Protein backbone atom coordinates (compact mmCIF):
# COMPACT_ATOMS: atom_id res chain seq x y z
CA MET A 1 125.46 89.03 -71.17
CA THR A 2 127.71 86.49 -69.50
CA TYR A 3 126.38 83.84 -67.10
CA LYS A 4 128.63 82.55 -64.39
CA PRO A 5 128.88 78.83 -63.49
CA ALA A 6 127.10 79.57 -60.20
CA PHE A 7 123.97 80.40 -62.25
CA TRP A 8 124.02 77.15 -64.28
CA PHE A 9 124.75 74.82 -61.36
CA PRO A 10 121.24 74.93 -59.72
CA ILE A 11 119.56 74.71 -63.13
CA SER A 12 121.59 71.61 -64.04
CA ILE A 13 120.72 69.99 -60.69
CA LEU A 14 116.99 70.60 -61.37
CA ALA A 15 117.32 69.16 -64.89
CA VAL A 16 119.04 66.02 -63.53
CA LEU A 17 116.32 65.61 -60.86
CA ALA A 18 113.57 66.00 -63.48
CA GLY A 19 115.26 63.38 -65.67
CA LEU A 20 115.60 60.96 -62.73
CA SER A 21 111.93 61.46 -61.81
CA LEU A 22 110.87 60.66 -65.37
CA TRP A 23 113.11 57.58 -65.49
CA LEU A 24 111.78 56.39 -62.10
CA GLN A 25 108.17 56.74 -63.28
CA TYR A 26 108.81 54.44 -66.26
CA ALA A 27 110.97 52.03 -64.25
CA VAL A 28 108.23 51.20 -61.72
CA LYS A 29 105.49 50.62 -64.31
CA SER A 30 104.60 46.99 -64.91
CA PRO A 31 104.72 45.53 -68.46
CA ASN A 32 100.91 45.80 -68.82
CA GLY A 33 101.08 49.57 -68.36
CA ARG A 34 99.68 49.65 -64.85
CA GLY A 35 101.91 51.21 -62.29
CA ALA A 36 102.48 49.81 -58.83
CA GLY A 37 100.22 52.51 -57.39
CA ASN A 38 97.24 51.54 -59.56
CA ASN A 39 95.93 48.82 -57.20
CA ALA A 40 97.08 45.93 -59.36
CA HIS A 41 95.67 42.53 -58.32
CA VAL A 42 98.82 41.46 -56.51
CA ALA A 43 98.95 39.54 -53.24
CA ASP A 44 99.88 41.84 -50.38
CA TYR A 45 100.42 38.95 -47.96
CA ILE A 46 100.57 35.15 -48.02
CA VAL A 47 99.80 32.77 -45.15
CA ASP A 48 100.79 29.10 -45.16
CA ASN A 49 98.85 26.49 -43.15
CA LEU A 50 95.96 28.77 -42.22
CA HIS A 51 93.50 27.83 -39.45
CA ALA A 52 90.76 30.36 -38.60
CA VAL A 53 87.72 30.06 -36.34
CA GLN A 54 84.65 32.32 -36.40
CA THR A 55 82.80 32.45 -33.09
CA ASN A 56 79.40 33.75 -32.02
CA ALA A 57 78.83 36.42 -29.34
CA SER A 58 79.19 33.85 -26.54
CA GLY A 59 82.52 32.59 -27.91
CA LYS A 60 81.33 29.28 -29.30
CA PRO A 61 82.74 28.31 -32.73
CA GLU A 62 80.35 28.67 -35.68
CA ASN A 63 82.72 28.13 -38.62
CA THR A 64 86.27 26.94 -39.09
CA LEU A 65 88.45 27.42 -42.12
CA ARG A 66 91.72 25.66 -42.90
CA ALA A 67 93.85 26.08 -46.00
CA GLY A 68 97.27 25.03 -47.19
CA LYS A 69 97.92 28.56 -48.46
CA LEU A 70 96.09 31.89 -48.38
CA GLN A 71 96.89 34.83 -50.66
CA HIS A 72 95.21 38.14 -49.78
CA PHE A 73 94.64 40.85 -52.42
CA MET A 74 94.40 44.44 -51.25
CA ASP A 75 92.62 45.88 -54.33
CA ASP A 76 89.31 44.05 -53.66
CA ASP A 77 90.02 42.62 -50.17
CA SER A 78 89.60 39.07 -51.50
CA SER A 79 91.59 35.97 -50.60
CA LEU A 80 92.55 32.95 -52.68
CA LEU A 81 92.86 29.65 -50.79
CA ASP A 82 94.66 26.47 -51.82
CA THR A 83 93.20 23.17 -50.50
CA PRO A 84 90.53 24.85 -48.34
CA HIS A 85 88.52 22.98 -45.72
CA PHE A 86 85.47 24.89 -44.40
CA ILE A 87 83.25 23.56 -41.57
CA THR A 88 79.95 25.04 -40.38
CA ILE A 89 79.38 23.84 -36.81
CA ASP A 90 75.81 23.14 -35.67
CA PRO A 91 75.43 20.92 -32.58
CA LYS A 92 71.66 20.52 -33.16
CA SER A 93 71.48 19.31 -36.77
CA GLY A 94 75.09 18.35 -37.48
CA ASN A 95 78.11 19.92 -39.16
CA VAL A 96 78.55 20.78 -42.83
CA ASP A 97 82.07 20.15 -44.14
CA VAL A 98 83.27 21.51 -47.53
CA GLN A 99 86.63 20.77 -49.20
CA SER A 100 87.98 21.61 -52.67
CA ASN A 101 91.12 22.34 -54.66
CA THR A 102 90.79 26.13 -54.42
CA ALA A 103 88.44 28.77 -53.02
CA LEU A 104 87.96 32.51 -53.42
CA VAL A 105 86.78 34.42 -50.34
CA THR A 106 85.23 37.85 -50.95
CA SER A 107 85.65 40.88 -48.71
CA LYS A 108 84.69 40.20 -45.08
CA GLY A 109 83.98 36.52 -45.90
CA LYS A 110 80.45 37.15 -47.15
CA LYS A 111 80.87 34.64 -49.99
CA ILE A 112 83.23 31.69 -50.47
CA THR A 113 83.45 30.16 -53.95
CA PHE A 114 84.88 26.63 -53.93
CA THR A 115 86.20 25.26 -57.25
CA GLY A 116 87.79 22.01 -58.40
CA GLN A 117 86.67 18.67 -56.95
CA VAL A 118 84.31 20.10 -54.34
CA VAL A 119 83.13 17.60 -51.72
CA LEU A 120 80.47 18.56 -49.17
CA LEU A 121 79.73 16.23 -46.25
CA ARG A 122 76.74 16.91 -44.02
CA ASP A 123 76.55 15.09 -40.70
CA SER A 124 73.00 14.49 -39.65
CA LEU A 125 71.75 13.72 -36.21
CA ASP A 126 68.41 12.30 -37.39
CA LYS A 127 67.18 9.23 -39.32
CA GLN A 128 68.34 10.57 -42.69
CA GLY A 129 71.97 10.13 -41.77
CA PRO A 130 74.97 11.80 -43.41
CA MET A 131 74.93 13.18 -46.95
CA ARG A 132 77.77 13.48 -49.49
CA LEU A 133 77.65 16.03 -52.31
CA THR A 134 80.20 16.33 -55.14
CA THR A 135 80.50 19.04 -57.81
CA ASP A 136 83.18 21.21 -59.38
CA TYR A 137 81.78 24.59 -58.21
CA LEU A 138 80.01 25.66 -55.01
CA GLU A 139 79.17 29.09 -53.61
CA VAL A 140 78.84 29.31 -49.80
CA PHE A 141 77.26 32.26 -47.96
CA PRO A 142 78.17 31.58 -44.29
CA ASP A 143 76.05 34.34 -42.73
CA GLN A 144 72.93 33.16 -44.60
CA HIS A 145 73.66 29.42 -44.09
CA LEU A 146 73.22 29.04 -47.84
CA MET A 147 75.12 26.95 -50.41
CA ARG A 148 74.43 26.84 -54.15
CA THR A 149 75.78 25.69 -57.48
CA ASN A 150 74.60 25.95 -61.07
CA ARG A 151 76.85 23.08 -62.18
CA PRO A 152 76.19 19.31 -62.24
CA VAL A 153 76.03 17.82 -58.79
CA ALA A 154 75.80 14.28 -57.35
CA VAL A 155 74.32 13.65 -53.91
CA SER A 156 74.33 10.38 -52.00
CA SER A 157 73.07 9.30 -48.60
CA ALA A 158 71.69 6.14 -47.02
CA GLN A 159 68.19 6.71 -48.42
CA VAL A 160 68.69 8.71 -51.62
CA ASN A 161 71.11 9.04 -54.52
CA PHE A 162 70.54 11.70 -57.15
CA THR A 163 72.14 13.92 -59.75
CA ALA A 164 71.02 17.38 -60.83
CA GLY A 165 72.13 20.32 -62.93
CA GLY A 166 72.36 22.54 -59.84
CA LEU A 167 71.11 23.03 -56.30
CA VAL A 168 70.47 25.43 -53.44
CA LEU A 169 70.99 24.11 -49.89
CA ASN A 170 70.09 25.90 -46.67
CA ASP A 171 72.07 24.09 -43.99
CA GLN A 172 70.02 25.63 -41.18
CA SER A 173 66.51 24.82 -42.43
CA ARG A 174 67.87 21.73 -44.26
CA LEU A 175 65.90 22.71 -47.35
CA LEU A 176 67.44 21.32 -50.55
CA GLN A 177 66.25 22.67 -53.90
CA LEU A 178 67.36 20.82 -57.06
CA THR A 179 67.41 22.35 -60.54
CA ARG A 180 67.56 20.96 -64.10
CA HIS A 181 67.85 17.32 -65.14
CA VAL A 182 67.14 15.78 -61.74
CA LYS A 183 67.47 11.99 -61.52
CA ALA A 184 66.94 10.27 -58.17
CA HIS A 185 66.75 6.87 -56.53
CA TYR A 186 64.96 6.99 -53.18
CA ALA A 187 64.67 4.34 -50.45
CA PRO A 188 62.08 5.02 -47.70
CA ILE A 189 63.23 5.68 -44.13
CA HIS A 190 62.32 2.80 -41.77
C-alpha cells in the first residue's frame, strides 16, 4: 500500500505540535522543579513608598501603615514590607507607633510580624507618660489591639525601666504582661 504525501502532512504537523508542547512544558519550569502555574512564592506586584490608612465606619483613621517597599505574594496573600512604620491611632489613650527593618503582613492584615530592630513608642495622655519598647521581633494583631513577642525586650518610660524575655501588650486596655527573666527599676508616680 502506498501513502501519498497528503496523508503524511497532517501527521507531521501533529508530531511537530506535540514536540513543541513538550519542549514548552520543560522550558517554563523553574530550576527547583515547580512550574510557573504551581503557585510559587513569587511577588505578583511591588509598591514603592506605600502609605495606607485603615478607617472605622465613620471614616476616622484607626491605623496607618507606611513602608519603603511592599511586595505582595499571591500564593498566600501575604505582603513583605521594607522599613515599615505602623501607627495605631487612639485619641483617648494615645497612639502606638511601631517601626522595624522588615515586616510580614498576613492575608487581610490580621497579623503583622515586625523583625529587625523593632521600636515601639506609645504616647500616653496620663501621668505615666510615653513608653519606648525595643526588641528584634514583634507580632501585632491590629483588630485585637494586641502586640506580643517571645524574644528579649527592653522597655523604658519616665517611671519604669525593665527588661524581660517576652511580653504581651494590649494597647486598648493598656495591660502589659511580662514573661521570663523580668528585671525592673520602678520610680513612683508623683
